[in-house]
């Protein structure tokens, strides 16, 4: 499975916002600089995530972006579905009738299992989980330096 860049950037932006939940909005420029995301592309992603209720955006000098819901309630599955849509590794998993071999295809069965395993991980991993992990990684890196 290849993670699309828009999902990668979107998750990184949400992880950047997580520690500030219920504190302060974070400006786009700060998110872009800290996560190495091109500003114009980040604007598009933030707008889309705002539209779907993951974040709140406020304009002005004290404006910025913040999570609209707690980070422990935002799963990677939700982010993936919003930013990329639901897609299976093979077309026949979504519409079995499109393939005359789908009923007797061992490969289809195997890819279905892979897809379900991936969905399970995405469903059980939250932005809070990733934010906590990132804090640990940063602390470990600082301890080494």
Foldseek 3Di string as FASTA:
>chain_A
DDDDPLLVLLLQLQLVQQVCAVNAADALVVSCVVVVNDSVSVVVSQVQCVVVQQWPWDDDPRTHIHGRDHQQPAFSLNSCCSRPNDDAPDPCLVPVVVDPCSVPDPVNVVSVVVVVVVSVNRRNHTSVNVSVVVVVVVVVVVVVD
